[in-house]
């Protein structure tokens, strides 16, 4: 029997890294779908998806109801997309090399067609359509992720379908299937968390580090501050070595 989100969250808090990997596999495409719908760029969406899961893991102690991991992850992903959009509004993009344009011309044309089609829909309908076609999620799974009733979700998807031409729906399904990330995204998230040196700690020390918000980045102790809108800032302290640990919390102590 497949464990529910609540069980996986509780197990993760107790130091079970495989439980979080299950959550990652379960909601990877959903988080990517949100980011892709907002940015229209697969590479950017993958980066934002990674960031969302890293933040979710580091902030898991803030989740009051373990059963609401899905809508909580959606909120984190949406906030990261908002931050990205604000930062992009202040940037000026440079010209794209001609060789890159030639090599990606067909893919860019398809992407632009899909983006224009989704942009022509109300945002809620466009997001519902994206999540529905990106990985075969059920109505129940998507409604849980978005935190809306199933009947509301079904209405959004049906209205979106009616607004899109039949051939565009087929193109959308094929395009989203091509763009969605693979297992390598899972590996990159796990690697980032391992780099933070959290999973290398014994379970008791791991929980304490998560509670305090301390992580290791590039071998230096860092303190994470979490903003109310889902943002995260890590600042490394000026030290080259780790602090002394007792035998109970020494990272090298076997589990």
C-alpha atoms as a PDB file:
ATOM      1  CA  UNK A   1       0.000   0.000   0.000  1.00  0.00           C
ATOM      2  CA  UNK A   2       1.378   3.371  -1.013  1.00  0.00           C
ATOM      3  CA  UNK A   3       2.143   5.594   2.025  1.00  0.00           C
ATOM      4  CA  UNK A   4       0.268   8.877   2.125  1.00  0.00           C
ATOM      5  CA  UNK A   5       1.945  12.271   2.273  1.00  0.00           C
ATOM      6  CA  UNK A   6       1.499  12.553   6.018  1.00  0.00           C
ATOM      7  CA  UNK A   7       3.378   9.327   6.644  1.00  0.00           C
ATOM      8  CA  UNK A   8       6.198  10.368   4.326  1.00  0.00           C
ATOM      9  CA  UNK A   9       6.537  13.806   5.938  1.00  0.00           C
ATOM     10  CA  UNK A  10       6.661  12.317   9.430  1.00  0.00           C
ATOM     11  CA  UNK A  11       9.223   9.731   8.318  1.00  0.00           C
ATOM     12  CA  UNK A  12      11.328  12.469   6.710  1.00  0.00           C
ATOM     13  CA  UNK A  13      11.292  14.473   9.932  1.00  0.00           C
ATOM     14  CA  UNK A  14      12.569  11.369  11.692  1.00  0.00           C
ATOM     15  CA  UNK A  15      15.539  11.202   9.328  1.00  0.00           C
ATOM     16  CA  UNK A  16      14.301   8.815   6.627  1.00  0.00           C
ATOM     17  CA  UNK A  17      15.842  10.210   3.441  1.00  0.00           C
ATOM     18  CA  UNK A  18      14.039   7.643   1.280  1.00  0.00           C
ATOM     19  CA  UNK A  19      10.708   9.060   2.444  1.00  0.00           C
ATOM     20  CA  UNK A  20      11.592  12.508   1.120  1.00  0.00           C
ATOM     21  CA  UNK A  21      12.823  10.924  -2.126  1.00  0.00           C
ATOM     22  CA  UNK A  22       9.318   9.420  -2.459  1.00  0.00           C
ATOM     23  CA  UNK A  23       7.761  12.872  -2.017  1.00  0.00           C
ATOM     24  CA  UNK A  24      10.187  14.237  -4.584  1.00  0.00           C
ATOM     25  CA  UNK A  25       9.234  11.594  -7.148  1.00  0.00           C
ATOM     26  CA  UNK A  26       5.539  12.048  -6.385  1.00  0.00           C
ATOM     27  CA  UNK A  27       5.420  15.817  -6.879  1.00  0.00           C
ATOM     28  CA  UNK A  28       8.425  16.558  -9.099  1.00  0.00           C
ATOM     29  CA  UNK A  29       6.374  16.937 -12.279  1.00  0.00           C
ATOM     30  CA  UNK A  30       3.641  18.900 -10.504  1.00  0.00           C
ATOM     31  CA  UNK A  31       6.114  21.483  -9.191  1.00  0.00           C
ATOM     32  CA  UNK A  32       7.795  21.599 -12.595  1.00  0.00           C
ATOM     33  CA  UNK A  33       4.413  22.105 -14.250  1.00  0.00           C
ATOM     34  CA  UNK A  34       3.736  25.154 -12.078  1.00  0.00           C
ATOM     35  CA  UNK A  35       7.170  26.625 -12.819  1.00  0.00           C
ATOM     36  CA  UNK A  36       6.947  25.859 -16.537  1.00  0.00           C
ATOM     37  CA  UNK A  37       3.488  27.370 -16.791  1.00  0.00           C
ATOM     38  CA  UNK A  38       4.815  30.565 -15.187  1.00  0.00           C
ATOM     39  CA  UNK A  39       8.159  30.839 -17.026  1.00  0.00           C
ATOM     40  CA  UNK A  40       7.730  28.940 -20.307  1.00  0.00           C
ATOM     41  CA  UNK A  41      11.370  27.849 -20.051  1.00  0.00           C
ATOM     42  CA  UNK A  42      12.203  24.239 -19.206  1.00  0.00           C
ATOM     43  CA  UNK A  43      15.691  24.946 -17.836  1.00  0.00           C
ATOM     44  CA  UNK A  44      14.435  27.748 -15.604  1.00  0.00           C
ATOM     45  CA  UNK A  45      11.499  25.618 -14.475  1.00  0.00           C
ATOM     46  CA  UNK A  46      13.865  22.796 -13.513  1.00  0.00           C
ATOM     47  CA  UNK A  47      15.992  25.198 -11.460  1.00  0.00           C
ATOM     48  CA  UNK A  48      12.921  26.540  -9.678  1.00  0.00           C
ATOM     49  CA  UNK A  49      11.668  22.995  -9.056  1.00  0.00           C
ATOM     50  CA  UNK A  50      14.972  22.090  -7.429  1.00  0.00           C
ATOM     51  CA  UNK A  51      14.836  25.224  -5.292  1.00  0.00           C
ATOM     52  CA  UNK A  52      11.275  24.432  -4.217  1.00  0.00           C
ATOM     53  CA  UNK A  53      12.155  20.945  -2.986  1.00  0.00           C
ATOM     54  CA  UNK A  54      15.309  22.117  -1.227  1.00  0.00           C
ATOM     55  CA  UNK A  55      13.296  24.785   0.579  1.00  0.00           C
ATOM     56  CA  UNK A  56      10.546  22.292   1.388  1.00  0.00           C
ATOM     57  CA  UNK A  57      13.045  19.911   2.966  1.00  0.00           C
ATOM     58  CA  UNK A  58      14.809  22.599   4.986  1.00  0.00           C
ATOM     59  CA  UNK A  59      11.504  24.083   6.167  1.00  0.00           C
ATOM     60  CA  UNK A  60       9.653  20.831   6.797  1.00  0.00           C
ATOM     61  CA  UNK A  61       9.453  21.602  10.505  1.00  0.00           C
ATOM     62  CA  UNK A  62       7.219  24.592   9.677  1.00  0.00           C
ATOM     63  CA  UNK A  63       4.520  22.413   8.104  1.00  0.00           C
ATOM     64  CA  UNK A  64       1.833  22.123  10.786  1.00  0.00           C
ATOM     65  CA  UNK A  65      -0.313  19.548   9.000  1.00  0.00           C
ATOM     66  CA  UNK A  66       1.858  16.826   7.377  1.00  0.00           C
ATOM     67  CA  UNK A  67      -1.113  15.811   5.246  1.00  0.00           C
ATOM     68  CA  UNK A  68      -1.015  19.181   3.459  1.00  0.00           C
ATOM     69  CA  UNK A  69       2.462  18.790   2.016  1.00  0.00           C
ATOM     70  CA  UNK A  70       1.169  19.061  -1.581  1.00  0.00           C
ATOM     71  CA  UNK A  71      -0.545  22.487  -1.354  1.00  0.00           C
ATOM     72  CA  UNK A  72       2.324  23.711   0.844  1.00  0.00           C
ATOM     73  CA  UNK A  73       4.821  22.718  -1.864  1.00  0.00           C
ATOM     74  CA  UNK A  74       2.628  24.440  -4.451  1.00  0.00           C
ATOM     75  CA  UNK A  75       2.763  27.670  -2.413  1.00  0.00           C
ATOM     76  CA  UNK A  76       6.559  27.464  -2.140  1.00  0.00           C
ATOM     77  CA  UNK A  77       6.903  26.864  -5.883  1.00  0.00           C
ATOM     78  CA  UNK A  78       4.531  29.697  -6.735  1.00  0.00           C
ATOM     79  CA  UNK A  79       6.409  32.114  -4.461  1.00  0.00           C
ATOM     80  CA  UNK A  80       9.725  31.183  -6.033  1.00  0.00           C
ATOM     81  CA  UNK A  81       8.233  31.822  -9.469  1.00  0.00           C
ATOM     82  CA  UNK A  82       7.040  35.228  -8.297  1.00  0.00           C
ATOM     83  CA  UNK A  83      10.524  36.062  -7.041  1.00  0.00           C
ATOM     84  CA  UNK A  84      12.061  34.908 -10.306  1.00  0.00           C
ATOM     85  CA  UNK A  85       9.640  37.005 -12.326  1.00  0.00           C
ATOM     86  CA  UNK A  86      10.416  40.101 -10.254  1.00  0.00           C
ATOM     87  CA  UNK A  87      14.152  39.589 -10.742  1.00  0.00           C
ATOM     88  CA  UNK A  88      13.696  39.071 -14.502  1.00  0.00           C
ATOM     89  CA  UNK A  89      11.800  42.339 -14.741  1.00  0.00           C
ATOM     90  CA  UNK A  90      14.981  44.124 -13.648  1.00  0.00           C
ATOM     91  CA  UNK A  91      17.301  42.300 -16.032  1.00  0.00           C
ATOM     92  CA  UNK A  92      18.179  43.001 -19.650  1.00  0.00           C
ATOM     93  CA  UNK A  93      18.749  39.900 -21.707  1.00  0.00           C
ATOM     94  CA  UNK A  94      21.639  39.860 -24.166  1.00  0.00           C
ATOM     95  CA  UNK A  95      21.379  38.706 -27.789  1.00  0.00           C
ATOM     96  CA  UNK A  96      21.178  34.971 -28.449  1.00  0.00           C
ATOM     97  CA  UNK A  97      24.026  33.615 -30.630  1.00  0.00           C
ATOM     98  CA  UNK A  98      22.959  32.749 -34.182  1.00  0.00           C
ATOM     99  CA  UNK A  99      24.180  29.172 -33.826  1.00  0.00           C
ATOM    100  CA  UNK A 100      21.905  28.684 -30.820  1.00  0.00           C
ATOM    101  CA  UNK A 101      18.958  30.148 -32.735  1.00  0.00           C
ATOM    102  CA  UNK A 102      19.554  27.820 -35.687  1.00  0.00           C
ATOM    103  CA  UNK A 103      19.830  24.737 -33.499  1.00  0.00           C
ATOM    104  CA  UNK A 104      16.726  25.465 -31.421  1.00  0.00           C
ATOM    105  CA  UNK A 105      14.501  27.032 -34.078  1.00  0.00           C
ATOM    106  CA  UNK A 106      11.975  24.213 -34.317  1.00  0.00           C
ATOM    107  CA  UNK A 107      11.831  23.655 -30.568  1.00  0.00           C
ATOM    108  CA  UNK A 108      11.418  27.391 -29.972  1.00  0.00           C
ATOM    109  CA  UNK A 109       8.601  27.581 -32.500  1.00  0.00           C
ATOM    110  CA  UNK A 110       6.704  24.767 -30.789  1.00  0.00           C
ATOM    111  CA  UNK A 111       7.331  26.281 -27.381  1.00  0.00           C
ATOM    112  CA  UNK A 112       6.044  29.657 -28.534  1.00  0.00           C
ATOM    113  CA  UNK A 113       2.894  28.101 -29.976  1.00  0.00           C
ATOM    114  CA  UNK A 114       2.220  26.286 -26.704  1.00  0.00           C
ATOM    115  CA  UNK A 115       2.981  29.375 -24.623  1.00  0.00           C
ATOM    116  CA  UNK A 116       0.646  31.518 -26.710  1.00  0.00           C
ATOM    117  CA  UNK A 117      -2.090  28.909 -26.458  1.00  0.00           C
ATOM    118  CA  UNK A 118      -1.745  28.699 -22.655  1.00  0.00           C
ATOM    119  CA  UNK A 119      -1.460  32.480 -22.360  1.00  0.00           C
ATOM    120  CA  UNK A 120      -4.820  32.778 -24.113  1.00  0.00           C
ATOM    121  CA  UNK A 121      -6.478  30.869 -21.282  1.00  0.00           C
ATOM    122  CA  UNK A 122      -7.390  32.253 -17.867  1.00  0.00           C
ATOM    123  CA  UNK A 123      -4.369  31.551 -15.591  1.00  0.00           C
ATOM    124  CA  UNK A 124      -6.210  29.011 -13.409  1.00  0.00           C
ATOM    125  CA  UNK A 125      -7.400  27.071 -16.464  1.00  0.00           C
ATOM    126  CA  UNK A 126      -3.948  27.148 -18.067  1.00  0.00           C
ATOM    127  CA  UNK A 127      -2.277  25.815 -14.931  1.00  0.00           C
ATOM    128  CA  UNK A 128      -4.898  23.070 -14.524  1.00  0.00           C
ATOM    129  CA  UNK A 129      -4.409  21.987 -18.153  1.00  0.00           C
ATOM    130  CA  UNK A 130      -0.618  21.971 -17.736  1.00  0.00           C
ATOM    131  CA  UNK A 131      -0.732  19.784 -14.633  1.00  0.00           C
ATOM    132  CA  UNK A 132      -3.330  17.466 -16.168  1.00  0.00           C
ATOM    133  CA  UNK A 133      -1.242  16.700 -19.239  1.00  0.00           C
ATOM    134  CA  UNK A 134       2.293  16.799 -17.854  1.00  0.00           C
ATOM    135  CA  UNK A 135       2.287  13.445 -16.081  1.00  0.00           C
ATOM    136  CA  UNK A 136      -1.145  11.886 -16.080  1.00  0.00           C
ATOM    137  CA  UNK A 137      -2.017  13.138 -12.595  1.00  0.00           C
ATOM    138  CA  UNK A 138      -5.546  12.291 -11.515  1.00  0.00           C
ATOM    139  CA  UNK A 139      -8.157  14.945 -10.768  1.00  0.00           C
ATOM    140  CA  UNK A 140      -7.806  14.135  -7.079  1.00  0.00           C
ATOM    141  CA  UNK A 141      -4.016  14.506  -7.103  1.00  0.00           C
ATOM    142  CA  UNK A 142      -4.122  17.850  -8.896  1.00  0.00           C
ATOM    143  CA  UNK A 143      -6.923  19.254  -6.749  1.00  0.00           C
ATOM    144  CA  UNK A 144      -4.991  18.242  -3.618  1.00  0.00           C
ATOM    145  CA  UNK A 145      -1.840  19.899  -4.950  1.00  0.00           C
ATOM    146  CA  UNK A 146      -3.627  23.138  -5.831  1.00  0.00           C
ATOM    147  CA  UNK A 147      -5.809  23.079  -2.723  1.00  0.00           C
ATOM    148  CA  UNK A 148      -9.088  23.390  -4.634  1.00  0.00           C
ATOM    149  CA  UNK A 149     -12.193  21.133  -4.787  1.00  0.00           C
ATOM    150  CA  UNK A 150     -12.147  18.427  -7.451  1.00  0.00           C
ATOM    151  CA  UNK A 151     -15.296  19.835  -9.055  1.00  0.00           C
ATOM    152  CA  UNK A 152     -13.581  23.224  -9.436  1.00  0.00           C
ATOM    153  CA  UNK A 153     -10.560  21.599 -11.026  1.00  0.00           C
ATOM    154  CA  UNK A 154     -12.649  19.584 -13.477  1.00  0.00           C
ATOM    155  CA  UNK A 155     -14.442  22.741 -14.553  1.00  0.00           C
ATOM    156  CA  UNK A 156     -11.140  24.520 -15.196  1.00  0.00           C
ATOM    157  CA  UNK A 157      -9.793  21.647 -17.285  1.00  0.00           C
ATOM    158  CA  UNK A 158     -12.972  21.280 -19.333  1.00  0.00           C
ATOM    159  CA  UNK A 159     -13.174  25.021 -20.003  1.00  0.00           C
ATOM    160  CA  UNK A 160      -9.510  25.011 -21.002  1.00  0.00           C
ATOM    161  CA  UNK A 161     -10.042  22.124 -23.399  1.00  0.00           C
ATOM    162  CA  UNK A 162     -12.970  23.871 -25.063  1.00  0.00           C
ATOM    163  CA  UNK A 163     -10.874  26.988 -25.582  1.00  0.00           C
ATOM    164  CA  UNK A 164      -8.001  25.095 -27.200  1.00  0.00           C
ATOM    165  CA  UNK A 165      -8.251  23.598 -30.680  1.00  0.00           C
ATOM    166  CA  UNK A 166      -8.051  19.800 -30.819  1.00  0.00           C
ATOM    167  CA  UNK A 167      -4.709  19.844 -32.629  1.00  0.00           C
ATOM    168  CA  UNK A 168      -3.320  22.283 -30.055  1.00  0.00           C
ATOM    169  CA  UNK A 169      -4.309  19.947 -27.214  1.00  0.00           C
ATOM    170  CA  UNK A 170      -2.389  17.128 -28.924  1.00  0.00           C
ATOM    171  CA  UNK A 171       0.628  19.410 -29.430  1.00  0.00           C
ATOM    172  CA  UNK A 172       0.436  20.537 -25.806  1.00  0.00           C
ATOM    173  CA  UNK A 173       0.426  16.949 -24.510  1.00  0.00           C
ATOM    174  CA  UNK A 174       3.414  15.996 -26.656  1.00  0.00           C
ATOM    175  CA  UNK A 175       5.345  19.144 -25.792  1.00  0.00           C
ATOM    176  CA  UNK A 176       4.827  18.830 -22.031  1.00  0.00           C
ATOM    177  CA  UNK A 177       5.846  15.185 -22.132  1.00  0.00           C
ATOM    178  CA  UNK A 178       9.087  16.179 -23.853  1.00  0.00           C
ATOM    179  CA  UNK A 179       9.827  19.025 -21.453  1.00  0.00           C
ATOM    180  CA  UNK A 180       9.149  17.401 -18.101  1.00  0.00           C
ATOM    181  CA  UNK A 181      12.251  16.519 -16.070  1.00  0.00           C
ATOM    182  CA  UNK A 182      13.578  13.032 -15.504  1.00  0.00           C
ATOM    183  CA  UNK A 183      15.151  11.235 -12.568  1.00  0.00           C
ATOM    184  CA  UNK A 184      18.296  13.337 -12.955  1.00  0.00           C
ATOM    185  CA  UNK A 185      16.421  16.223 -11.333  1.00  0.00           C
ATOM    186  CA  UNK A 186      15.801  14.016  -8.290  1.00  0.00           C
ATOM    187  CA  UNK A 187      19.506  13.257  -8.134  1.00  0.00           C
ATOM    188  CA  UNK A 188      20.420  16.948  -8.311  1.00  0.00           C
ATOM    189  CA  UNK A 189      18.061  17.795  -5.453  1.00  0.00           C
ATOM    190  CA  UNK A 190      19.477  14.986  -3.311  1.00  0.00           C
ATOM    191  CA  UNK A 191      22.999  16.135  -4.131  1.00  0.00           C
ATOM    192  CA  UNK A 192      22.191  19.708  -3.103  1.00  0.00           C
ATOM    193  CA  UNK A 193      20.788  18.546   0.195  1.00  0.00           C
ATOM    194  CA  UNK A 194      23.756  16.272   0.757  1.00  0.00           C
ATOM    195  CA  UNK A 195      26.067  19.203   0.019  1.00  0.00           C
ATOM    196  CA  UNK A 196      24.293  21.080   2.780  1.00  0.00           C
ATOM    197  CA  UNK A 197      25.576  18.228   4.983  1.00  0.00           C
ATOM    198  CA  UNK A 198      22.212  17.601   6.580  1.00  0.00           C
ATOM    199  CA  UNK A 199      21.781  13.956   5.691  1.00  0.00           C
ATOM    200  CA  UNK A 200      25.334  13.188   6.789  1.00  0.00           C
ATOM    201  CA  UNK A 201      24.358  13.893  10.399  1.00  0.00           C
ATOM    202  CA  UNK A 202      22.951  11.293  12.798  1.00  0.00           C
ATOM    203  CA  UNK A 203      19.191  11.514  12.993  1.00  0.00           C
ATOM    204  CA  UNK A 204      19.008  13.366  16.321  1.00  0.00           C
ATOM    205  CA  UNK A 205      21.553  15.936  15.175  1.00  0.00           C
ATOM    206  CA  UNK A 206      19.861  16.173  11.782  1.00  0.00           C
ATOM    207  CA  UNK A 207      16.547  17.104  13.353  1.00  0.00           C
ATOM    208  CA  UNK A 208      18.280  19.659  15.543  1.00  0.00           C
ATOM    209  CA  UNK A 209      20.016  21.267  12.555  1.00  0.00           C
ATOM    210  CA  UNK A 210      16.713  21.448  10.667  1.00  0.00           C
ATOM    211  CA  UNK A 211      14.982  22.982  13.668  1.00  0.00           C
ATOM    212  CA  UNK A 212      17.675  25.630  14.095  1.00  0.00           C
ATOM    213  CA  UNK A 213      18.022  26.359  10.384  1.00  0.00           C
ATOM    214  CA  UNK A 214      21.774  25.648  10.263  1.00  0.00           C
ATOM    215  CA  UNK A 215      23.247  24.010   7.179  1.00  0.00           C
ATOM    216  CA  UNK A 216      26.701  23.556   5.687  1.00  0.00           C
ATOM    217  CA  UNK A 217      27.420  25.143   2.327  1.00  0.00           C
ATOM    218  CA  UNK A 218      30.786  24.428   0.722  1.00  0.00           C
ATOM    219  CA  UNK A 219      32.150  23.263   4.063  1.00  0.00           C
ATOM    220  CA  UNK A 220      31.208  26.428   5.959  1.00  0.00           C
ATOM    221  CA  UNK A 221      28.551  26.831   8.602  1.00  0.00           C
ATOM    222  CA  UNK A 222      25.601  28.841   7.288  1.00  0.00           C
ATOM    223  CA  UNK A 223      22.448  30.141   8.867  1.00  0.00           C
ATOM    224  CA  UNK A 224      19.227  30.168   6.855  1.00  0.00           C
ATOM    225  CA  UNK A 225      16.574  32.825   7.293  1.00  0.00           C
ATOM    226  CA  UNK A 226      13.156  32.015   5.878  1.00  0.00           C
ATOM    227  CA  UNK A 227      10.981  34.884   4.711  1.00  0.00           C
ATOM    228  CA  UNK A 228       7.216  34.799   5.023  1.00  0.00           C
ATOM    229  CA  UNK A 229       6.780  34.679   1.247  1.00  0.00           C
ATOM    230  CA  UNK A 230       8.801  31.468   0.934  1.00  0.00           C
ATOM    231  CA  UNK A 231      12.175  33.079   0.231  1.00  0.00           C
ATOM    232  CA  UNK A 232      15.356  31.762   1.749  1.00  0.00           C
ATOM    233  CA  UNK A 233      18.705  33.430   2.404  1.00  0.00           C
ATOM    234  CA  UNK A 234      21.817  31.580   3.565  1.00  0.00           C
ATOM    235  CA  UNK A 235      24.759  33.466   5.010  1.00  0.00           C
ATOM    236  CA  UNK A 236      28.029  31.652   5.702  1.00  0.00           C
ATOM    237  CA  UNK A 237      29.858  32.513   8.904  1.00  0.00           C
ATOM    238  CA  UNK A 238      33.579  33.344   8.584  1.00  0.00           C
ATOM    239  CA  UNK A 239      34.949  30.019   9.775  1.00  0.00           C
ATOM    240  CA  UNK A 240      36.954  27.381   7.961  1.00  0.00           C
ATOM    241  CA  UNK A 241      36.229  24.445  10.211  1.00  0.00           C
ATOM    242  CA  UNK A 242      33.144  22.938  11.689  1.00  0.00           C
ATOM    243  CA  UNK A 243      32.349  23.474  15.366  1.00  0.00           C
ATOM    244  CA  UNK A 244      33.136  20.731  17.841  1.00  0.00           C
ATOM    245  CA  UNK A 245      30.435  18.107  18.109  1.00  0.00           C
ATOM    246  CA  UNK A 246      29.832  15.794  21.003  1.00  0.00           C
ATOM    247  CA  UNK A 247      30.125  12.070  20.323  1.00  0.00           C
ATOM    248  CA  UNK A 248      26.360  12.011  20.015  1.00  0.00           C
ATOM    249  CA  UNK A 249      26.216  14.593  17.216  1.00  0.00           C
ATOM    250  CA  UNK A 250      29.521  14.053  15.449  1.00  0.00           C
ATOM    251  CA  UNK A 251      28.798  13.844  11.704  1.00  0.00           C
ATOM    252  CA  UNK A 252      31.279  11.016  11.356  1.00  0.00           C
ATOM    253  CA  UNK A 253      29.552   8.865  13.960  1.00  0.00           C
ATOM    254  CA  UNK A 254      27.910   5.852  12.235  1.00  0.00           C
ATOM    255  CA  UNK A 255      24.178   5.539  12.506  1.00  0.00           C
END
